[in-house]
């Protein structure tokens, strides 16, 4: 049975940590809990003691017994993984800079176990340059960051900062405890974000894509052992630590970047929202508002089709289709027209799914069938898509073997 230390910090999301304990236990994990002093203002240690059957660690100096002074060392050695959820801005700052003034931060410095961090805080704190820098430093240290999600926050504001779903956090912990390396040896090129087609020096045609789906796929593929090339249009997201990132803006630039790297890749996943049209004649000067304006548009490059035409033998191509509704037959016709190996159909009729959302849903479609992707976090959807890609790879390889 694997051992997980759960660090609970002071925030309204602390009550969700009790659910985390239960879900980890359901997966056969033994959980012990460390609480900061602030966490105890939101939920009592007795709750976690009752759930886990273990003592809850709250204070380095709560007992005069000298042996308790090194209890954090014993717990650091006991743990197979350290999960901190919710991780507040204050705790992230401590960990990033090596400060150790309580049971949780000293245990962090003493453990050699994998670390999973699930931040939760006010949107302005989450977006502050210091917090973003601390998260980047911790990710570069090799820790798994389970990104916070957007939504209505306890402070009354709406935006990034909400604790990720329990299932997403548990999956991240299990990935560190039992890493799946079924994409080792693969080089995966993933496109992400929404392209921008210029109108004049200050304006462009664009779309609502945040890039979150493509970035989630890149992070998941990297965890599963793949070498990842991320071709990214404009986005505010931080890329996974070890991905090779190629930044582009327009559909033409994205096509050029993809085709340039195509000879070295074994799987292409086209998750980017590529503009279907661009302005035929880009103005060299800012267009002034002097009355009605008519723009003449022309189609952009069909990147999936060009990848299919130029790929080397055996390279898998996974396309995406954002549609109003889940018309599987229409998506399958698009799959055949483009010549891809699979297509992920997304329904964009729901405001809380797909574009500019932390959640997604759809269908993974191949010639052989259609696998539903029920609504879940984009991290979870990324895992399910890659499961489909791995199954497709095994199927194609087995079909090439002599009977």
Protein backbone atom coordinates (compact mmCIF):
# COMPACT_ATOMS: atom_id res chain seq x y z
CA UNK A 1 0.00 0.00 0.00
CA UNK A 2 1.55 3.35 -1.02
CA UNK A 3 1.90 6.10 1.57
CA UNK A 4 0.85 9.69 0.88
CA UNK A 5 1.41 12.68 3.15
CA UNK A 6 -1.31 15.27 2.58
CA UNK A 7 -0.41 18.84 3.50
CA UNK A 8 -3.44 21.06 4.12
CA UNK A 9 -2.96 24.84 4.07
CA UNK A 10 -5.20 27.67 5.24
CA UNK A 11 -7.91 28.46 2.70
CA UNK A 12 -11.60 27.88 2.21
CA UNK A 13 -10.75 24.94 -0.07
CA UNK A 14 -9.31 23.09 2.96
CA UNK A 15 -12.65 21.37 3.46
CA UNK A 16 -12.18 19.62 0.08
CA UNK A 17 -9.08 17.90 1.47
CA UNK A 18 -11.33 15.54 3.43
CA UNK A 19 -12.76 14.34 0.12
CA UNK A 20 -9.22 13.92 -1.19
CA UNK A 21 -8.42 11.64 1.74
CA UNK A 22 -11.42 9.45 0.98
CA UNK A 23 -10.67 9.22 -2.75
CA UNK A 24 -7.04 8.31 -2.13
CA UNK A 25 -8.09 5.66 0.36
CA UNK A 26 -10.51 4.23 -2.22
CA UNK A 27 -7.49 3.77 -4.51
CA UNK A 28 -5.62 1.79 -1.85
CA UNK A 29 -3.49 4.64 -0.50
CA UNK A 30 -2.59 5.11 3.17
CA UNK A 31 -2.91 8.81 4.02
CA UNK A 32 -1.48 10.88 6.84
CA UNK A 33 -2.20 14.59 7.20
CA UNK A 34 -0.11 17.63 8.06
CA UNK A 35 -2.02 20.86 8.78
CA UNK A 36 -0.66 24.38 8.92
CA UNK A 37 -1.83 26.62 11.72
CA UNK A 38 -4.05 28.57 9.34
CA UNK A 39 -5.64 25.37 8.00
CA UNK A 40 -6.93 24.63 11.50
CA UNK A 41 -9.04 27.80 11.31
CA UNK A 42 -11.05 26.22 8.47
CA UNK A 43 -11.25 22.54 9.46
CA UNK A 44 -10.37 20.73 12.66
CA UNK A 45 -7.58 18.11 12.96
CA UNK A 46 -10.12 15.68 14.48
CA UNK A 47 -11.80 15.40 11.06
CA UNK A 48 -8.65 14.06 9.43
CA UNK A 49 -7.72 11.90 12.42
CA UNK A 50 -11.14 10.23 12.18
CA UNK A 51 -10.83 9.71 8.43
CA UNK A 52 -7.27 8.41 8.37
CA UNK A 53 -6.94 6.64 11.72
CA UNK A 54 -3.60 8.44 12.15
CA UNK A 55 -2.35 11.30 14.28
CA UNK A 56 -2.60 14.65 12.50
CA UNK A 57 0.64 16.64 12.54
CA UNK A 58 0.17 20.32 13.34
CA UNK A 59 3.12 21.66 15.32
CA UNK A 60 6.84 20.97 15.52
CA UNK A 61 6.88 21.81 19.23
CA UNK A 62 3.59 20.50 20.57
CA UNK A 63 5.28 17.97 22.89
CA UNK A 64 8.18 18.41 25.33
CA UNK A 65 9.43 14.96 24.33
CA UNK A 66 12.67 15.56 22.40
CA UNK A 67 11.93 12.66 20.10
CA UNK A 68 9.02 14.63 18.59
CA UNK A 69 11.45 17.27 17.31
CA UNK A 70 12.46 14.92 14.50
CA UNK A 71 8.96 13.63 13.74
CA UNK A 72 8.96 15.57 10.48
CA UNK A 73 12.01 13.56 9.40
CA UNK A 74 10.23 10.30 10.16
CA UNK A 75 7.15 11.36 8.18
CA UNK A 76 9.32 12.57 5.29
CA UNK A 77 10.88 9.12 5.10
CA UNK A 78 7.51 7.35 5.46
CA UNK A 79 5.95 9.11 2.47
CA UNK A 80 5.98 7.71 -1.05
CA UNK A 81 4.53 11.04 -2.20
CA UNK A 82 3.84 14.45 -0.67
CA UNK A 83 0.62 16.12 -1.78
CA UNK A 84 -0.17 19.69 -0.71
CA UNK A 85 -3.80 20.62 -1.40
CA UNK A 86 -4.83 23.32 -1.10
CA UNK A 87 -1.44 24.97 -1.52
CA UNK A 88 -1.70 28.65 -0.65
CA UNK A 89 0.39 31.48 -2.08
CA UNK A 90 2.24 31.74 1.23
CA UNK A 91 3.18 28.06 1.31
CA UNK A 92 4.22 28.09 -2.35
CA UNK A 93 6.52 31.02 -1.59
CA UNK A 94 8.04 29.15 1.35
CA UNK A 95 8.67 26.03 -0.70
CA UNK A 96 10.09 27.93 -3.66
CA UNK A 97 12.60 29.73 -1.46
CA UNK A 98 13.43 26.94 0.98
CA UNK A 99 11.93 28.49 4.11
CA UNK A 100 11.19 25.97 6.85
CA UNK A 101 9.32 27.29 9.90
CA UNK A 102 6.52 24.74 10.48
CA UNK A 103 5.86 21.00 10.23
CA UNK A 104 4.81 21.10 6.57
CA UNK A 105 7.69 23.19 5.20
CA UNK A 106 10.35 21.27 7.18
CA UNK A 107 8.88 17.97 5.99
CA UNK A 108 9.00 19.26 2.42
CA UNK A 109 12.71 19.98 2.70
CA UNK A 110 13.37 16.61 4.34
CA UNK A 111 11.55 14.36 1.88
CA UNK A 112 12.91 12.85 -1.30
CA UNK A 113 9.48 11.63 -2.37
CA UNK A 114 7.69 13.06 -5.44
CA UNK A 115 5.78 16.27 -4.68
CA UNK A 116 2.34 17.21 -6.05
CA UNK A 117 1.05 20.75 -5.50
CA UNK A 118 -2.57 21.84 -6.03
CA UNK A 119 -2.80 25.63 -5.63
CA UNK A 120 -5.96 27.44 -4.52
CA UNK A 121 -6.27 31.17 -3.84
CA UNK A 122 -7.82 34.47 -4.92
CA UNK A 123 -7.60 35.18 -8.64
CA UNK A 124 -5.36 38.23 -8.21
CA UNK A 125 -3.01 36.27 -5.96
CA UNK A 126 -2.96 33.42 -8.48
CA UNK A 127 -2.10 35.77 -11.33
CA UNK A 128 0.48 37.80 -9.42
CA UNK A 129 3.93 37.69 -11.00
CA UNK A 130 5.49 36.41 -7.77
CA UNK A 131 3.07 33.49 -7.49
CA UNK A 132 3.55 32.58 -11.14
CA UNK A 133 7.34 32.72 -10.71
CA UNK A 134 7.17 30.52 -7.61
CA UNK A 135 5.02 27.93 -9.42
CA UNK A 136 7.42 27.92 -12.35
CA UNK A 137 10.40 27.42 -10.02
CA UNK A 138 8.67 24.53 -8.26
CA UNK A 139 7.70 22.91 -11.55
CA UNK A 140 11.28 23.24 -12.81
CA UNK A 141 12.33 21.50 -9.60
CA UNK A 142 10.44 18.45 -10.85
CA UNK A 143 7.22 18.84 -8.87
CA UNK A 144 3.80 18.20 -10.40
CA UNK A 145 1.57 21.29 -10.43
CA UNK A 146 -2.15 20.53 -10.63
CA UNK A 147 -3.29 23.85 -12.04
CA UNK A 148 -6.11 25.70 -10.35
CA UNK A 149 -9.33 26.13 -12.32
CA UNK A 150 -11.51 29.09 -13.25
CA UNK A 151 -14.85 29.71 -11.59
CA UNK A 152 -16.67 31.53 -8.84
CA UNK A 153 -14.39 31.95 -5.82
CA UNK A 154 -15.22 32.23 -2.12
CA UNK A 155 -14.06 35.85 -2.14
CA UNK A 156 -16.87 36.69 -4.55
CA UNK A 157 -14.62 37.12 -7.57
CA UNK A 158 -14.59 34.96 -10.69
CA UNK A 159 -11.41 33.68 -12.34
CA UNK A 160 -8.44 31.37 -11.87
CA UNK A 161 -7.69 30.13 -8.37
CA UNK A 162 -10.28 27.45 -7.60
CA UNK A 163 -8.86 24.15 -6.39
CA UNK A 164 -8.75 21.54 -9.16
CA UNK A 165 -11.28 18.73 -9.13
CA UNK A 166 -10.63 15.90 -6.68
CA UNK A 167 -10.39 13.36 -9.51
CA UNK A 168 -7.75 15.46 -11.26
CA UNK A 169 -5.62 15.76 -8.12
CA UNK A 170 -5.91 12.06 -7.30
CA UNK A 171 -4.93 11.14 -10.86
CA UNK A 172 -1.82 13.34 -10.60
CA UNK A 173 -0.81 11.64 -7.34
CA UNK A 174 -1.34 8.16 -8.77
CA UNK A 175 0.69 9.11 -11.85
CA UNK A 176 3.61 9.96 -9.57
CA UNK A 177 3.16 6.82 -7.45
CA UNK A 178 2.74 4.48 -10.41
CA UNK A 179 4.08 6.32 -13.47
CA UNK A 180 2.79 5.01 -16.78
CA UNK A 181 5.52 5.21 -19.43
CA UNK A 182 3.55 3.83 -22.36
CA UNK A 183 4.62 6.72 -24.62
CA UNK A 184 8.35 6.27 -24.02
CA UNK A 185 10.18 6.32 -27.33
CA UNK A 186 7.51 8.44 -29.03
CA UNK A 187 8.08 12.00 -30.22
CA UNK A 188 4.73 13.79 -30.11
CA UNK A 189 4.08 17.14 -31.77
CA UNK A 190 1.09 18.95 -30.27
CA UNK A 191 -0.40 22.19 -31.52
CA UNK A 192 -2.22 24.47 -29.09
CA UNK A 193 -3.91 27.86 -28.78
CA UNK A 194 -5.76 30.01 -31.27
CA UNK A 195 -4.02 31.49 -34.30
CA UNK A 196 -4.24 35.21 -35.06
CA UNK A 197 -4.65 36.49 -38.62
CA UNK A 198 -3.66 40.19 -38.92
CA UNK A 199 -6.01 42.80 -40.36
CA UNK A 200 -3.73 45.79 -39.86
CA UNK A 201 -0.77 46.51 -37.53
CA UNK A 202 -3.00 46.51 -34.41
CA UNK A 203 -5.95 44.20 -35.18
CA UNK A 204 -6.40 40.53 -35.99
CA UNK A 205 -9.00 37.84 -36.56
CA UNK A 206 -8.90 35.33 -33.72
CA UNK A 207 -10.96 32.95 -31.62
CA UNK A 208 -11.66 32.11 -27.98
CA UNK A 209 -9.17 29.26 -27.64
CA UNK A 210 -7.13 29.45 -24.43
CA UNK A 211 -4.70 26.67 -25.36
CA UNK A 212 -5.58 24.72 -22.17
CA UNK A 213 -6.47 21.49 -23.98
CA UNK A 214 -3.24 21.39 -25.97
CA UNK A 215 -1.13 22.26 -22.94
CA UNK A 216 -2.88 19.58 -20.87
CA UNK A 217 -2.11 17.05 -23.62
CA UNK A 218 1.54 18.15 -23.67
CA UNK A 219 1.89 17.76 -19.90
CA UNK A 220 0.17 14.36 -19.90
CA UNK A 221 2.27 13.06 -22.81
CA UNK A 222 5.45 14.22 -21.10
CA UNK A 223 4.46 12.40 -17.88
CA UNK A 224 3.91 9.22 -19.91
CA UNK A 225 7.46 9.29 -21.25
CA UNK A 226 7.11 11.02 -24.62
CA UNK A 227 9.40 13.63 -26.03
CA UNK A 228 7.02 16.56 -26.68
CA UNK A 229 7.25 19.37 -29.22
CA UNK A 230 4.60 22.01 -28.44
CA UNK A 231 3.77 24.36 -31.33
CA UNK A 232 1.84 27.09 -29.58
CA UNK A 233 -0.15 30.07 -30.79
CA UNK A 234 -0.72 32.98 -28.41
CA UNK A 235 -1.68 31.93 -24.87
CA UNK A 236 -1.08 33.06 -21.30
CA UNK A 237 -0.24 29.52 -20.13
CA UNK A 238 3.09 28.25 -18.84
CA UNK A 239 4.31 25.28 -20.90
CA UNK A 240 5.30 21.98 -19.25
CA UNK A 241 8.88 22.10 -18.02
CA UNK A 242 10.60 19.73 -20.44
CA UNK A 243 8.61 20.40 -23.62
CA UNK A 244 10.28 21.99 -26.59
CA UNK A 245 8.13 25.04 -27.37
CA UNK A 246 7.81 26.66 -30.79
CA UNK A 247 5.84 29.92 -30.65
CA UNK A 248 3.81 30.95 -33.69
CA UNK A 249 1.04 33.42 -34.46
CA UNK A 250 -0.70 32.76 -37.78
CA UNK A 251 -1.98 29.60 -39.45
CA UNK A 252 0.79 29.88 -42.06
CA UNK A 253 3.45 30.09 -39.34
CA UNK A 254 1.94 27.10 -37.55
CA UNK A 255 1.90 25.04 -40.73
CA UNK A 256 5.55 25.91 -41.40
CA UNK A 257 6.60 24.98 -37.87
CA UNK A 258 4.71 21.68 -37.96
CA UNK A 259 6.03 20.61 -41.38
CA UNK A 260 9.60 21.55 -40.42
CA UNK A 261 9.50 19.22 -37.40
CA UNK A 262 7.36 16.51 -39.03
CA UNK A 263 10.25 14.22 -40.11
CA UNK A 264 11.27 13.64 -36.47
CA UNK A 265 7.86 12.95 -34.92
CA UNK A 266 5.84 9.75 -34.56
CA UNK A 267 2.51 11.24 -33.44
CA UNK A 268 0.86 14.57 -34.32
CA UNK A 269 -2.04 15.91 -32.22
CA UNK A 270 -3.66 18.98 -33.76
CA UNK A 271 -5.42 20.53 -30.76
CA UNK A 272 -4.95 24.15 -31.89
CA UNK A 273 -7.92 26.26 -32.99
CA UNK A 274 -6.61 27.36 -36.38
CA UNK A 275 -8.40 30.27 -38.09
CA UNK A 276 -10.31 29.08 -41.15
CA UNK A 277 -9.92 32.43 -42.94
CA UNK A 278 -7.45 35.31 -43.18
CA UNK A 279 -7.63 38.77 -44.71
CA UNK A 280 -6.67 38.72 -48.39
CA UNK A 281 -4.94 42.10 -48.21
CA UNK A 282 -3.44 43.17 -44.87
CA UNK A 283 -3.40 46.94 -44.40
CA UNK A 284 0.06 48.33 -43.72
CA UNK A 285 -1.46 51.17 -41.70
CA UNK A 286 -4.03 51.26 -38.94
CA UNK A 287 -7.52 51.27 -40.41
CA UNK A 288 -9.49 54.24 -39.11
CA UNK A 289 -13.16 54.12 -38.18
CA UNK A 290 -14.51 56.28 -41.00
CA UNK A 291 -17.61 54.22 -41.75
CA UNK A 292 -18.55 50.66 -42.70
CA UNK A 293 -15.68 48.31 -43.42
CA UNK A 294 -15.67 45.30 -45.72
CA UNK A 295 -12.94 42.68 -45.40
CA UNK A 296 -12.22 40.19 -48.15
CA UNK A 297 -11.26 36.83 -46.66
CA UNK A 298 -9.53 33.79 -48.09
CA UNK A 299 -9.15 30.27 -46.65
CA UNK A 300 -6.10 29.47 -44.55
CA UNK A 301 -3.98 26.35 -44.89
CA UNK A 302 -5.47 22.96 -44.02
CA UNK A 303 -2.68 21.92 -41.67
CA UNK A 304 -4.05 18.45 -40.95
CA UNK A 305 -4.29 17.64 -44.65
CA UNK A 306 -0.75 18.88 -45.28
CA UNK A 307 0.56 16.81 -42.36
CA UNK A 308 -1.17 13.69 -43.69
CA UNK A 309 0.31 14.33 -47.15
CA UNK A 310 3.87 14.79 -45.87
CA UNK A 311 4.12 12.44 -42.88
CA UNK A 312 6.48 9.51 -42.89
CA UNK A 313 5.10 5.99 -42.80
CA UNK A 314 3.66 5.03 -39.43
CA UNK A 315 3.14 8.55 -38.07
CA UNK A 316 -0.25 8.87 -36.38
CA UNK A 317 -2.28 12.05 -36.95
CA UNK A 318 -4.99 13.03 -34.47
CA UNK A 319 -7.26 15.90 -35.52
CA UNK A 320 -9.74 17.98 -33.51
CA UNK A 321 -13.18 19.18 -34.59
CA UNK A 322 -15.08 21.86 -32.66
CA UNK A 323 -18.73 21.61 -33.64
CA UNK A 324 -22.16 22.76 -32.49
CA UNK A 325 -23.32 19.43 -31.13
CA UNK A 326 -21.91 15.91 -31.23
CA UNK A 327 -22.63 14.74 -34.79
CA UNK A 328 -20.36 11.68 -34.89
CA UNK A 329 -21.07 10.85 -38.53
CA UNK A 330 -20.24 14.39 -39.65
CA UNK A 331 -16.97 14.19 -37.67
CA UNK A 332 -16.17 10.79 -39.17
CA UNK A 333 -16.70 12.23 -42.67
CA UNK A 334 -14.22 14.98 -41.76
CA UNK A 335 -11.83 12.32 -40.49
CA UNK A 336 -11.94 10.52 -43.86
CA UNK A 337 -11.71 13.75 -45.87
CA UNK A 338 -8.56 14.82 -44.06
CA UNK A 339 -7.03 11.35 -43.94
CA UNK A 340 -6.26 11.48 -40.20
CA UNK A 341 -6.12 8.39 -37.99
CA UNK A 342 -8.50 9.74 -35.34
CA UNK A 343 -10.47 12.87 -34.60
CA UNK A 344 -11.56 14.34 -31.27
CA UNK A 345 -15.04 15.83 -31.60
CA UNK A 346 -15.81 18.67 -29.15
CA UNK A 347 -19.25 20.13 -28.52
CA UNK A 348 -18.88 23.91 -28.18
CA UNK A 349 -22.55 24.65 -27.47
CA UNK A 350 -21.99 24.63 -23.68
CA UNK A 351 -20.39 27.74 -22.17
CA UNK A 352 -18.74 25.73 -19.37
CA UNK A 353 -17.03 23.26 -21.73
CA UNK A 354 -14.45 23.57 -24.50
CA UNK A 355 -13.16 27.00 -25.50
CA UNK A 356 -11.74 29.10 -22.68
CA UNK A 357 -12.90 26.62 -20.04
CA UNK A 358 -11.12 24.26 -17.64
CA UNK A 359 -13.43 21.39 -18.63
CA UNK A 360 -14.12 19.57 -21.85
CA UNK A 361 -16.18 16.73 -23.29
CA UNK A 362 -16.46 14.99 -26.63
CA UNK A 363 -15.90 11.80 -28.57
CA UNK A 364 -12.67 10.07 -29.69
CA UNK A 365 -13.46 8.77 -33.19
CA UNK A 366 -11.58 6.30 -35.39
CA UNK A 367 -12.58 4.07 -38.30
CA UNK A 368 -13.15 1.30 -35.79
CA UNK A 369 -15.50 3.12 -33.45
CA UNK A 370 -16.32 6.10 -31.23
CA UNK A 371 -15.35 6.37 -27.56
CA UNK A 372 -17.27 8.96 -25.49
CA UNK A 373 -15.24 11.46 -23.46
CA UNK A 374 -17.63 12.46 -20.65
CA UNK A 375 -17.34 15.96 -19.21
CA UNK A 376 -14.27 16.28 -17.00
CA UNK A 377 -11.27 18.52 -16.41
CA UNK A 378 -9.04 19.03 -19.43
CA UNK A 379 -6.25 17.20 -17.60
CA UNK A 380 -8.52 14.17 -17.30
CA UNK A 381 -9.71 14.48 -20.92
CA UNK A 382 -6.05 14.65 -22.02
CA UNK A 383 -5.39 11.35 -20.24
CA UNK A 384 -8.36 9.72 -21.95
CA UNK A 385 -7.32 11.01 -25.38
CA UNK A 386 -3.80 9.64 -24.90
CA UNK A 387 -5.30 6.32 -23.78
CA UNK A 388 -7.04 6.27 -27.17
CA UNK A 389 -3.84 7.16 -28.99
CA UNK A 390 -1.93 4.36 -27.24
CA UNK A 391 -4.66 1.85 -28.09
CA UNK A 392 -4.65 3.01 -31.70
CA UNK A 393 -0.86 2.69 -31.89
CA UNK A 394 -0.99 -0.88 -30.57
CA UNK A 395 -3.80 -1.74 -32.99
CA UNK A 396 -1.90 -0.39 -36.00
CA UNK A 397 1.28 -2.18 -35.02
CA UNK A 398 -0.51 -5.51 -34.53
CA UNK A 399 -2.18 -5.18 -37.95
CA UNK A 400 1.25 -4.89 -39.59
CA UNK A 401 2.56 -8.10 -38.03
CA UNK A 402 2.33 -11.25 -40.15
CA UNK A 403 -0.46 -13.63 -39.13
